[in-house]
Amino acid sequence: MEIKISLDKQNVISEIDNRIYGSFIEHLGRAVYGGIYQPGHETADDMGFRKDVLEYVSQLKVPIVRYPGGNFVSGYNWEDGIGPKENRPHKLDLAWQTIETNEVGIDEFQEWAKRAGSEVMMAVNLGTRGADDARNIVEYCNLDIDTYYSQLRRKNGFEKPFGIKLWCLGNEMDGPWQICAKTPMEYARTACEAAKLMKWVDPSIELVACGSAHMFMPTFGEWERTVLRECYDHIDYISLHNYYGNPDDNTPKYLAQAVNMDKFIKIVEGICDEVKAEKGSDKTVNLSFDEWNIWFHSNEQDKETERYVVAPRLLEDIYNFEDALVVGSLLITLINNSDRVKIACLAQLVNVIAPIMTEDNGCWLQTIFYPYMHASVFGRGTALNVNIDCGTYDADELKDVPYVTAAAVDNGNGELTVFAMNRSLDEDAVVDAELAGFEGYTLQEHIELNCDDFKAVNSLENPDNVVPNNKDIGETITFAAHSWNVLRFKKV
């Protein structure tokens, strides 16, 4: 298969907001306890954080981490996780049917984020709680004056504010699985008033309103319009959530799922602009795709998990090679929509549907770690439009899916990176690349992730079963059948 890829340095999509490469830690399963935090572990630091996990998170250069949920946040009292640990209560977590010890709360997590080189994207409880508690936690985290909650933070050992600048107004509030789920108007009014109070406490913060829980919800569309009409003047982003999977073992269709992600983004973008026009506003509400990943492998095993224990094994999907290809294509889609998607969170980061897995005797990297790392490390700068001339295929209801999908990023410092995924199961793609405006740039590195076995996985015992390799650079660029590729051009 011969394809042509063309791009122009002047044909720009947008400057990429680095927060598009964010992730997520929820009080769920072993994400916190036994994941990022394990006092007594041989690698634990002075606060009980696993340094082996921190090292891998640092390799990913995760710019922002959403916390503490997720479904968990809709029943969470943030005050339970501050102050002396011996005074913190053990509580039932109704969202995931577990026991929460509250050993880790915002006091600890904001410090973990600093040690990971990341920022915190804090979610507030708009399920069992509301505007009053939302404004109080902003005061606790961000104010440096003589008030009750800022003094409480000081009493707890933190003289300086945490400076958390990005906040989520609840989570998936139209989902019937959500604690204290709401109708569109119930949520819109709650979110509007919470947003007002939070920004009155700290005008420098940015706020993300809940979109519908996913694009197949009965409320999808109506929910977004209602929330935007009510909250438009007080919010900065609206959220999108969606997970992808291959339960029917239909690989061609699975490799095309980024088409659905792109459609979802375009629909929500259109609704935002529709409401903007209705209001005659000069303000643009952008998108926060703050939950996305593959999630289906662990569904059956999770049904057998014991209820109301501390940190059970939940949502521990083991990812295979084809999952990595799909994650790569979803990252390409986010880059290509970076004019409106300013924040995105791979859900989640450790143990729970995650690229990093831990056991007491070590940690290891899943297949999806690699495209995520490549995009985060090499995908910072300006996204360029990429034109691809290639064949297409049909996969059930998905029609005319291009065999090759790609994104390009100019880092502004003499480097151009092209990310590409070849969806063809059996044909290599021989590439004719036309790079206008990049005279003097030559291909310095071609990273490839490829495997003959679509179901191949990594493990603690065999951590290098599916890993990327550097290809020899010749006169011809070739994307192998079913492969993830990173082309790094440099000006010489």
Protein backbone atom coordinates (compact mmCIF):
# COMPACT_ATOMS: atom_id res chain seq x y z
CA MET A 1 0.00 0.00 0.00
CA GLU A 2 1.37 3.39 -1.02
CA ILE A 3 0.21 6.49 0.86
CA LYS A 4 0.99 10.18 0.77
CA ILE A 5 1.27 12.34 3.87
CA SER A 6 1.51 16.10 3.38
CA LEU A 7 1.66 18.96 5.84
CA ASP A 8 2.62 22.61 5.86
CA LYS A 9 4.34 24.53 8.65
CA GLN A 10 1.84 27.35 8.10
CA ASN A 11 -1.25 25.13 8.15
CA VAL A 12 -1.76 25.20 11.91
CA ILE A 13 -4.51 23.62 14.03
CA SER A 14 -3.53 25.13 17.35
CA GLU A 15 -0.87 25.52 19.98
CA ILE A 16 -1.28 22.38 22.11
CA ASP A 17 -2.19 22.84 25.76
CA ASN A 18 0.14 20.39 27.52
CA ARG A 19 -2.74 19.41 29.80
CA ILE A 20 -4.07 17.35 26.91
CA TYR A 21 -1.65 14.66 28.16
CA GLY A 22 -3.12 14.56 31.68
CA SER A 23 -4.18 11.53 33.68
CA PHE A 24 -6.37 10.54 36.61
CA ILE A 25 -6.07 9.03 40.09
CA GLU A 26 -9.31 8.06 41.82
CA HIS A 27 -9.85 6.52 45.22
CA LEU A 28 -10.74 3.27 43.49
CA GLY A 29 -9.23 -0.20 43.77
CA ARG A 30 -5.44 -0.08 44.14
CA ALA A 31 -4.89 3.28 42.44
CA VAL A 32 -4.01 5.03 45.70
CA TYR A 33 -3.43 2.33 48.33
CA GLY A 34 -0.91 -0.16 46.97
CA GLY A 35 -0.48 2.04 43.89
CA ILE A 36 0.99 5.49 44.42
CA TYR A 37 1.00 5.07 48.22
CA GLN A 38 2.40 2.11 50.15
CA PRO A 39 4.14 2.91 53.44
CA GLY A 40 6.62 0.22 54.36
CA HIS A 41 7.36 -0.68 50.76
CA GLU A 42 11.07 -0.92 50.03
CA THR A 43 10.83 2.08 47.67
CA ALA A 44 8.54 4.20 49.87
CA ASP A 45 9.68 7.77 50.51
CA ASP A 46 9.21 9.81 53.70
CA MET A 47 5.46 10.21 53.01
CA GLY A 48 4.84 6.62 51.96
CA PHE A 49 4.79 7.24 48.21
CA ARG A 50 6.33 4.53 46.03
CA LYS A 51 9.38 5.97 44.32
CA ASP A 52 9.37 3.28 41.63
CA VAL A 53 5.90 4.48 40.59
CA LEU A 54 6.97 8.11 40.75
CA GLU A 55 9.86 7.33 38.41
CA TYR A 56 7.54 5.91 35.76
CA VAL A 57 5.07 8.78 36.15
CA SER A 58 7.98 11.18 35.67
CA GLN A 59 8.91 9.39 32.44
CA LEU A 60 5.39 10.09 31.17
CA LYS A 61 5.76 13.82 31.98
CA VAL A 62 2.15 13.88 33.17
CA PRO A 63 1.24 17.58 33.32
CA ILE A 64 -1.95 17.32 35.39
CA VAL A 65 -3.77 14.61 37.36
CA ARG A 66 -7.50 14.63 38.06
CA TYR A 67 -8.36 13.75 41.68
CA PRO A 68 -10.11 12.23 43.76
CA GLY A 69 -12.77 10.99 41.31
CA GLY A 70 -14.64 9.90 39.36
CA ASN A 71 -17.69 8.27 40.88
CA PHE A 72 -15.96 8.35 44.26
CA VAL A 73 -16.16 12.14 44.54
CA SER A 74 -19.98 12.26 44.57
CA GLY A 75 -20.04 10.81 48.09
CA TYR A 76 -16.73 12.21 49.39
CA ASN A 77 -16.29 14.59 52.32
CA TRP A 78 -12.96 16.26 51.65
CA GLU A 79 -12.47 17.15 55.32
CA ASP A 80 -12.09 13.41 56.07
CA GLY A 81 -8.73 13.44 54.29
CA ILE A 82 -6.96 16.31 56.06
CA GLY A 83 -5.23 16.74 59.40
CA PRO A 84 -3.69 14.09 61.67
CA LYS A 85 -4.07 10.63 60.16
CA GLU A 86 -4.97 9.06 63.49
CA ASN A 87 -8.12 11.20 63.55
CA ARG A 88 -9.29 10.38 60.04
CA PRO A 89 -12.40 8.21 59.78
CA HIS A 90 -12.82 4.97 57.88
CA LYS A 91 -15.88 5.41 55.67
CA LEU A 92 -18.02 3.34 53.33
CA ASP A 93 -17.44 4.26 49.69
CA LEU A 94 -20.80 3.55 48.13
CA ALA A 95 -19.57 4.29 44.59
CA TRP A 96 -17.21 1.30 44.45
CA GLN A 97 -18.53 -0.65 47.47
CA THR A 98 -15.25 -0.47 49.37
CA ILE A 99 -13.88 0.99 52.61
CA GLU A 100 -12.00 4.28 52.36
CA THR A 101 -9.38 4.76 55.11
CA ASN A 102 -8.69 8.42 54.24
CA GLU A 103 -4.95 7.93 54.84
CA VAL A 104 -4.47 9.94 51.65
CA GLY A 105 -6.40 13.13 51.04
CA ILE A 106 -5.73 16.47 49.42
CA ASP A 107 -2.96 17.26 51.95
CA GLU A 108 -0.96 14.27 50.75
CA PHE A 109 -2.04 14.17 47.12
CA GLN A 110 -0.99 17.71 46.30
CA GLU A 111 2.47 16.81 47.64
CA TRP A 112 2.54 13.61 45.56
CA ALA A 113 1.70 15.65 42.47
CA LYS A 114 4.61 18.00 43.14
CA ARG A 115 6.97 15.05 43.51
CA ALA A 116 5.63 13.66 40.22
CA GLY A 117 6.21 17.01 38.48
CA SER A 118 2.49 17.44 37.93
CA GLU A 119 -0.41 19.71 38.83
CA VAL A 120 -3.73 18.77 40.47
CA MET A 121 -7.09 18.92 38.71
CA MET A 122 -9.38 18.83 41.75
CA ALA A 123 -12.96 17.59 41.61
CA VAL A 124 -15.61 18.79 44.07
CA ASN A 125 -18.59 16.79 45.35
CA LEU A 126 -21.81 18.01 43.76
CA GLY A 127 -23.61 14.77 44.60
CA THR A 128 -24.18 14.60 48.37
CA ARG A 129 -22.78 18.11 48.84
CA GLY A 130 -22.84 21.42 47.00
CA ALA A 131 -21.74 25.03 46.68
CA ASP A 132 -20.89 25.61 50.34
CA ASP A 133 -18.36 22.79 50.55
CA ALA A 134 -17.01 23.66 47.10
CA ARG A 135 -16.16 27.19 48.16
CA ASN A 136 -14.67 25.95 51.44
CA ILE A 137 -12.20 23.57 49.78
CA VAL A 138 -11.06 26.32 47.40
CA GLU A 139 -10.42 28.51 50.45
CA TYR A 140 -8.52 25.67 52.15
CA CYS A 141 -6.36 24.97 49.11
CA ASN A 142 -5.75 28.39 47.62
CA LEU A 143 -6.08 31.31 50.05
CA ASP A 144 -3.13 32.88 51.87
CA ILE A 145 -5.06 35.17 54.23
CA ASP A 146 -6.41 34.95 57.77
CA THR A 147 -9.61 32.95 57.29
CA TYR A 148 -10.94 29.80 58.91
CA TYR A 149 -10.06 27.30 56.18
CA SER A 150 -6.72 28.82 55.23
CA GLN A 151 -5.77 28.77 58.91
CA LEU A 152 -6.95 25.15 59.10
CA ARG A 153 -4.52 24.32 56.28
CA ARG A 154 -1.73 26.01 58.21
CA LYS A 155 -2.69 24.11 61.35
CA ASN A 156 -2.37 20.91 59.31
CA GLY A 157 1.22 21.77 58.46
CA PHE A 158 0.95 23.62 55.12
CA GLU A 159 1.86 27.27 55.47
CA LYS A 160 1.66 28.10 51.78
CA PRO A 161 -1.46 27.54 49.62
CA PHE A 162 -1.56 24.54 47.31
CA GLY A 163 -2.41 26.77 44.35
CA ILE A 164 -4.80 24.39 42.58
CA LYS A 165 -5.98 26.23 39.46
CA LEU A 166 -8.23 23.70 37.69
CA TRP A 167 -11.43 22.33 39.26
CA CYS A 168 -14.15 19.90 38.14
CA LEU A 169 -17.75 20.64 39.11
CA GLY A 170 -18.70 17.09 40.05
CA ASN A 171 -18.63 13.95 37.92
CA GLU A 172 -21.05 12.28 35.45
CA MET A 173 -24.06 13.65 37.25
CA ASP A 174 -26.62 12.30 34.73
CA GLY A 175 -25.48 8.71 35.32
CA PRO A 176 -27.98 6.63 37.34
CA TRP A 177 -24.96 4.89 38.90
CA GLN A 178 -23.83 8.24 40.34
CA ILE A 179 -24.44 9.05 44.01
CA CYS A 180 -27.22 11.69 44.02
CA ALA A 181 -27.56 11.79 40.22
CA LYS A 182 -29.36 14.83 38.89
CA THR A 183 -31.62 15.98 36.08
CA PRO A 184 -30.04 18.42 33.64
CA MET A 185 -31.55 21.47 35.33
CA GLU A 186 -30.86 20.21 38.85
CA TYR A 187 -27.20 19.86 38.01
CA ALA A 188 -27.04 23.07 35.99
CA ARG A 189 -28.35 25.16 38.88
CA THR A 190 -26.07 23.45 41.42
CA ALA A 191 -23.03 23.81 39.18
CA CYS A 192 -23.79 27.45 38.38
CA GLU A 193 -24.01 28.48 42.01
CA ALA A 194 -20.96 26.42 43.01
CA ALA A 195 -18.99 28.00 40.16
CA LYS A 196 -19.96 31.51 41.23
CA LEU A 197 -18.87 30.95 44.82
CA MET A 198 -15.65 29.18 43.91
CA LYS A 199 -14.57 32.00 41.60
CA TRP A 200 -15.57 34.59 44.16
CA VAL A 201 -13.14 32.88 46.56
CA ASP A 202 -10.37 32.64 43.93
CA PRO A 203 -10.99 34.42 40.61
CA SER A 204 -7.85 32.87 39.10
CA ILE A 205 -9.23 29.31 38.94
CA GLU A 206 -10.65 27.58 35.87
CA LEU A 207 -13.77 25.40 36.06
CA VAL A 208 -14.91 22.31 34.17
CA ALA A 209 -18.65 21.60 34.11
CA CYS A 210 -19.89 18.03 33.72
CA GLY A 211 -20.96 16.99 30.30
CA SER A 212 -23.10 13.91 29.87
CA ALA A 213 -21.54 10.72 31.22
CA HIS A 214 -20.91 9.47 27.66
CA MET A 215 -22.18 10.04 24.13
CA PHE A 216 -24.72 7.19 24.27
CA MET A 217 -26.59 8.49 27.33
CA PRO A 218 -30.30 9.27 26.74
CA THR A 219 -29.59 12.75 28.11
CA PHE A 220 -26.65 13.45 25.78
CA GLY A 221 -27.10 16.73 23.95
CA GLU A 222 -29.99 17.96 26.05
CA TRP A 223 -27.69 17.80 29.08
CA GLU A 224 -24.92 19.83 27.43
CA ARG A 225 -27.33 22.50 26.17
CA THR A 226 -29.03 22.88 29.56
CA VAL A 227 -25.75 23.07 31.49
CA LEU A 228 -24.18 25.52 29.06
CA ARG A 229 -27.21 27.79 28.94
CA GLU A 230 -27.27 27.99 32.72
CA CYS A 231 -23.53 28.08 33.49
CA TYR A 232 -21.93 29.65 30.42
CA ASP A 233 -20.69 32.84 32.06
CA HIS A 234 -19.10 31.01 35.00
CA ILE A 235 -17.30 28.01 33.47
CA ASP A 236 -14.35 27.55 31.14
CA TYR A 237 -14.71 23.95 29.90
CA ILE A 238 -17.27 21.20 29.59
CA SER A 239 -16.23 17.59 30.07
CA LEU A 240 -16.41 14.57 27.77
CA HIS A 241 -16.05 10.97 28.98
CA ASN A 242 -15.85 7.83 26.89
CA TYR A 243 -14.26 4.40 27.10
CA TYR A 244 -13.56 2.03 24.23
CA GLY A 245 -13.27 -1.72 23.98
CA ASN A 246 -13.31 -4.84 21.85
CA PRO A 247 -15.75 -7.20 23.60
CA ASP A 248 -16.81 -8.78 20.27
CA ASP A 249 -13.19 -9.39 19.20
CA ASN A 250 -13.65 -7.43 15.99
CA THR A 251 -10.17 -6.00 15.46
CA PRO A 252 -10.82 -3.92 12.30
CA LYS A 253 -13.76 -2.20 14.01
CA TYR A 254 -11.80 -1.77 17.23
CA LEU A 255 -8.89 -0.10 15.44
CA ALA A 256 -11.37 2.40 14.00
CA GLN A 257 -12.76 3.63 17.34
CA ALA A 258 -10.95 6.95 17.07
CA VAL A 259 -13.53 7.84 14.41
CA ASN A 260 -16.17 7.73 17.15
CA MET A 261 -14.02 9.86 19.45
CA ASP A 262 -13.64 12.49 16.73
CA LYS A 263 -17.40 12.49 16.10
CA PHE A 264 -18.10 12.92 19.82
CA ILE A 265 -15.72 15.88 20.06
CA LYS A 266 -17.24 17.57 17.02
CA ILE A 267 -20.80 17.20 18.37
CA VAL A 268 -19.98 18.73 21.75
CA GLU A 269 -17.94 21.47 20.10
CA GLY A 270 -20.96 22.28 17.94
CA ILE A 271 -23.28 22.46 20.97
CA CYS A 272 -20.86 24.83 22.74
CA ASP A 273 -20.81 27.12 19.72
CA GLU A 274 -24.59 26.91 19.35
CA VAL A 275 -25.05 28.20 22.91
CA LYS A 276 -22.34 30.81 22.38
CA ALA A 277 -24.29 32.12 19.39
CA GLU A 278 -27.58 32.05 21.34
CA LYS A 279 -26.01 34.21 24.03
CA GLY A 280 -24.15 36.49 21.64
CA SER A 281 -21.08 35.83 23.75
CA ASP A 282 -17.47 36.62 22.90
CA LYS A 283 -16.36 33.79 25.18
CA THR A 284 -15.54 30.30 23.89
CA VAL A 285 -16.12 27.31 26.15
CA ASN A 286 -13.53 24.66 25.34
CA LEU A 287 -13.50 20.91 25.97
CA SER A 288 -11.99 18.75 28.70
CA PHE A 289 -11.92 15.08 27.65
CA ASP A 290 -11.08 14.16 31.21
CA GLU A 291 -11.89 10.45 31.11
CA TRP A 292 -10.81 8.32 28.18
CA ASN A 293 -9.18 4.93 27.80
CA ILE A 294 -9.79 1.28 27.01
CA TRP A 295 -12.00 -0.45 29.58
CA PHE A 296 -13.60 -3.86 29.12
CA HIS A 297 -11.12 -6.60 30.02
CA SER A 298 -11.86 -6.61 33.76
CA ASN A 299 -15.66 -6.41 33.64
CA GLU A 300 -16.31 -10.06 34.48
CA GLN A 301 -13.66 -10.45 37.17
CA ASP A 302 -14.91 -7.31 38.94
CA LYS A 303 -18.29 -8.98 39.47
CA GLU A 304 -16.59 -11.44 41.84
CA THR A 305 -14.84 -8.83 44.01
CA GLU A 306 -15.63 -8.87 47.73
CA ARG A 307 -17.61 -5.84 48.88
CA TYR A 308 -16.54 -3.38 51.57
CA VAL A 309 -12.87 -4.15 51.98
CA VAL A 310 -9.90 -1.78 51.70
CA ALA A 311 -8.30 -1.35 48.26
CA PRO A 312 -9.53 -4.49 46.45
CA ARG A 313 -8.34 -5.30 42.95
CA LEU A 314 -10.82 -3.48 40.74
CA LEU A 315 -10.72 -2.46 37.06
CA GLU A 316 -7.30 -4.05 36.59
CA ASP A 317 -7.48 -4.44 32.83
CA ILE A 318 -4.42 -6.14 31.35
CA TYR A 319 -3.78 -4.43 28.05
CA ASN A 320 -2.63 -6.14 24.90
CA PHE A 321 -0.93 -4.96 21.73
CA GLU A 322 -4.11 -3.97 19.87
CA ASP A 323 -5.16 -1.88 22.89
CA ALA A 324 -1.92 0.08 22.51
CA LEU A 325 -2.71 0.75 18.85
CA VAL A 326 -6.14 2.09 19.76
CA VAL A 327 -4.73 4.31 22.53
CA GLY A 328 -2.25 5.69 20.00
CA SER A 329 -5.04 6.51 17.54
CA LEU A 330 -7.07 8.21 20.30
CA LEU A 331 -4.05 10.37 21.19
CA ILE A 332 -3.75 11.32 17.52
CA THR A 333 -7.41 12.36 17.57
CA LEU A 334 -6.91 14.54 20.65
CA ILE A 335 -3.92 16.27 19.03
CA ASN A 336 -5.91 16.87 15.86
CA ASN A 337 -8.68 18.49 17.93
CA SER A 338 -6.36 20.56 20.11
CA ASP A 339 -7.98 23.78 18.96
CA ARG A 340 -10.90 22.90 21.27
CA VAL A 341 -9.71 20.01 23.44
CA LYS A 342 -7.45 21.79 25.91
CA ILE A 343 -7.45 19.17 28.68
CA ALA A 344 -7.61 15.37 28.52
CA CYS A 345 -7.06 12.68 31.13
CA LEU A 346 -6.10 9.10 30.41
CA ALA A 347 -8.14 7.24 33.01
CA GLN A 348 -6.37 6.08 35.03
CA LEU A 349 -2.67 6.16 35.90
CA VAL A 350 -1.77 3.30 38.28
CA ASN A 351 -3.31 -0.20 38.61
CA VAL A 352 -6.86 0.87 37.70
CA ILE A 353 -7.27 0.71 33.86
CA ALA A 354 -3.74 2.01 33.88
CA PRO A 355 -0.42 2.10 32.01
CA ILE A 356 1.52 1.41 35.24
CA MET A 357 0.94 -1.71 37.37
CA THR A 358 2.33 -2.55 40.79
CA GLU A 359 2.89 -5.57 42.98
CA ASP A 360 4.73 -5.73 46.29
CA ASN A 361 7.81 -7.05 44.49
CA GLY A 362 7.92 -4.52 41.68
CA CYS A 363 6.05 -2.57 39.06
CA TRP A 364 5.79 -2.93 35.29
CA LEU A 365 4.53 -1.12 32.22
CA GLN A 366 1.52 -2.07 30.17
CA THR A 367 1.47 -1.86 26.38
CA ILE A 368 -0.50 1.41 26.44
CA PHE A 369 2.28 3.14 28.38
CA TYR A 370 4.35 3.58 25.24
CA PRO A 371 2.08 5.57 22.88
CA TYR A 372 1.02 7.68 25.86
CA MET A 373 4.65 8.42 26.72
CA HIS A 374 5.57 9.16 23.11
CA ALA A 375 2.70 11.64 22.69
CA SER A 376 3.35 13.37 26.02
CA VAL A 377 7.11 13.66 25.56
CA PHE A 378 7.28 14.45 21.83
CA GLY A 379 3.83 15.98 21.25
CA ARG A 380 4.32 19.40 22.78
CA GLY A 381 4.20 22.45 20.55
CA THR A 382 1.97 23.38 17.63
CA ALA A 383 -0.37 20.86 16.04
CA LEU A 384 -0.42 20.94 12.23
CA ASN A 385 -3.07 19.76 9.82
CA VAL A 386 -2.04 16.50 8.16
CA ASN A 387 -3.46 15.41 4.83
CA ILE A 388 -3.35 11.67 4.18
CA ASP A 389 -4.05 10.12 0.81
CA CYS A 390 -4.66 6.43 1.49
CA GLY A 391 -7.21 3.68 1.08
CA THR A 392 -10.20 3.16 3.37
CA TYR A 393 -12.27 0.28 4.73
CA ASP A 394 -15.68 -0.29 6.29
CA ALA A 395 -16.13 -1.79 9.77
CA ASP A 396 -19.82 -2.43 10.44
CA GLU A 397 -21.46 0.99 10.93
CA LEU A 398 -18.12 2.79 10.54
CA LYS A 399 -17.65 3.64 6.87
CA ASP A 400 -14.65 4.86 4.89
CA VAL A 401 -12.18 4.48 7.75
CA PRO A 402 -8.71 5.53 6.53
CA TYR A 403 -6.09 2.82 6.89
CA VAL A 404 -3.60 5.36 8.22
CA THR A 405 -4.27 8.10 10.76
CA ALA A 406 -1.65 10.67 11.74
CA ALA A 407 -0.91 13.87 13.65
CA ALA A 408 2.03 16.26 13.44
CA VAL A 409 3.57 18.55 16.05
CA ASP A 410 6.13 21.31 15.47
CA ASN A 411 7.92 21.99 18.76
CA GLY A 412 9.26 25.35 17.59
CA ASN A 413 12.84 24.36 18.33
CA GLY A 414 13.82 22.67 15.11
CA GLU A 415 11.94 19.41 15.68
CA LEU A 416 8.90 18.01 13.91
CA THR A 417 7.19 14.84 15.14
CA VAL A 418 4.69 12.81 13.17
CA PHE A 419 2.59 10.20 15.00
CA ALA A 420 0.96 7.58 12.78
CA MET A 421 -1.00 4.36 13.15
CA ASN A 422 -1.47 1.87 10.33
CA ARG A 423 -4.82 0.10 10.81
CA SER A 424 -4.28 -2.42 8.04
CA LEU A 425 -4.01 -5.93 9.41
CA ASP A 426 -1.78 -7.21 6.62
CA GLU A 427 -0.38 -4.40 4.43
CA ASP A 428 2.63 -2.21 5.07
CA ALA A 429 2.24 1.43 4.10
CA VAL A 430 5.05 2.92 2.02
CA VAL A 431 5.04 6.66 2.75
CA ASP A 432 5.58 9.57 0.41
CA ALA A 433 6.03 12.47 2.83
CA GLU A 434 5.73 16.11 1.76
CA LEU A 435 6.79 18.53 4.51
CA ALA A 436 6.30 22.10 3.29
CA GLY A 437 8.17 24.71 5.28
CA PHE A 438 10.51 22.18 6.85
CA GLU A 439 13.43 22.49 4.48
CA GLY A 440 16.62 21.15 6.00
CA TYR A 441 14.78 18.74 8.30
CA THR A 442 15.81 15.11 8.11
CA LEU A 443 14.41 12.00 9.73
CA GLN A 444 16.53 11.27 12.79
CA GLU A 445 14.46 8.59 14.51
CA HIS A 446 11.65 6.19 13.63
CA ILE A 447 10.12 4.54 16.70
CA GLU A 448 7.81 1.61 16.00
CA LEU A 449 5.52 -0.45 18.22
CA ASN A 450 4.54 -3.63 16.40
CA CYS A 451 3.79 -7.23 17.24
CA ASP A 452 2.56 -10.27 15.31
CA ASP A 453 0.21 -11.20 18.16
CA PHE A 454 -2.64 -8.73 18.68
CA LYS A 455 -3.36 -10.25 22.10
CA ALA A 456 0.22 -10.13 23.40
CA VAL A 457 0.60 -8.52 26.83
CA ASN A 458 3.32 -7.47 29.25
CA SER A 459 3.58 -8.73 32.82
CA LEU A 460 5.79 -8.45 35.89
CA GLU A 461 7.52 -11.66 34.79
CA ASN A 462 7.79 -10.61 31.14
CA PRO A 463 7.73 -6.80 31.11
CA ASP A 464 9.40 -6.41 27.69
CA ASN A 465 7.11 -8.66 25.67
CA VAL A 466 5.58 -5.70 23.81
CA VAL A 467 7.90 -2.69 23.66
CA PRO A 468 8.81 -0.14 20.99
CA ASN A 469 11.93 -0.41 18.86
CA ASN A 470 13.93 1.99 16.73
CA LYS A 471 13.81 1.17 13.03
CA ASP A 472 16.74 1.62 10.71
CA ILE A 473 16.39 4.82 8.73
CA GLY A 474 16.66 4.42 4.98
CA GLU A 475 15.50 6.27 1.92
CA THR A 476 11.93 4.98 2.30
CA ILE A 477 9.59 5.42 5.28
CA THR A 478 7.37 2.41 5.87
CA PHE A 479 4.61 1.94 8.42
CA ALA A 480 4.37 -1.78 9.03
CA ALA A 481 0.96 -3.41 9.04
CA HIS A 482 -0.84 -2.85 12.37
CA SER A 483 1.80 -0.55 13.84
CA TRP A 484 2.20 2.61 15.92
CA ASN A 485 4.90 4.93 14.61
CA VAL A 486 6.73 8.04 15.78
CA LEU A 487 8.78 9.92 13.18
CA ARG A 488 11.15 12.51 14.61
CA PHE A 489 12.53 15.04 12.12
CA LYS A 490 15.21 17.53 13.11
CA LYS A 491 16.71 20.53 11.39
CA VAL A 492 20.34 19.90 10.58
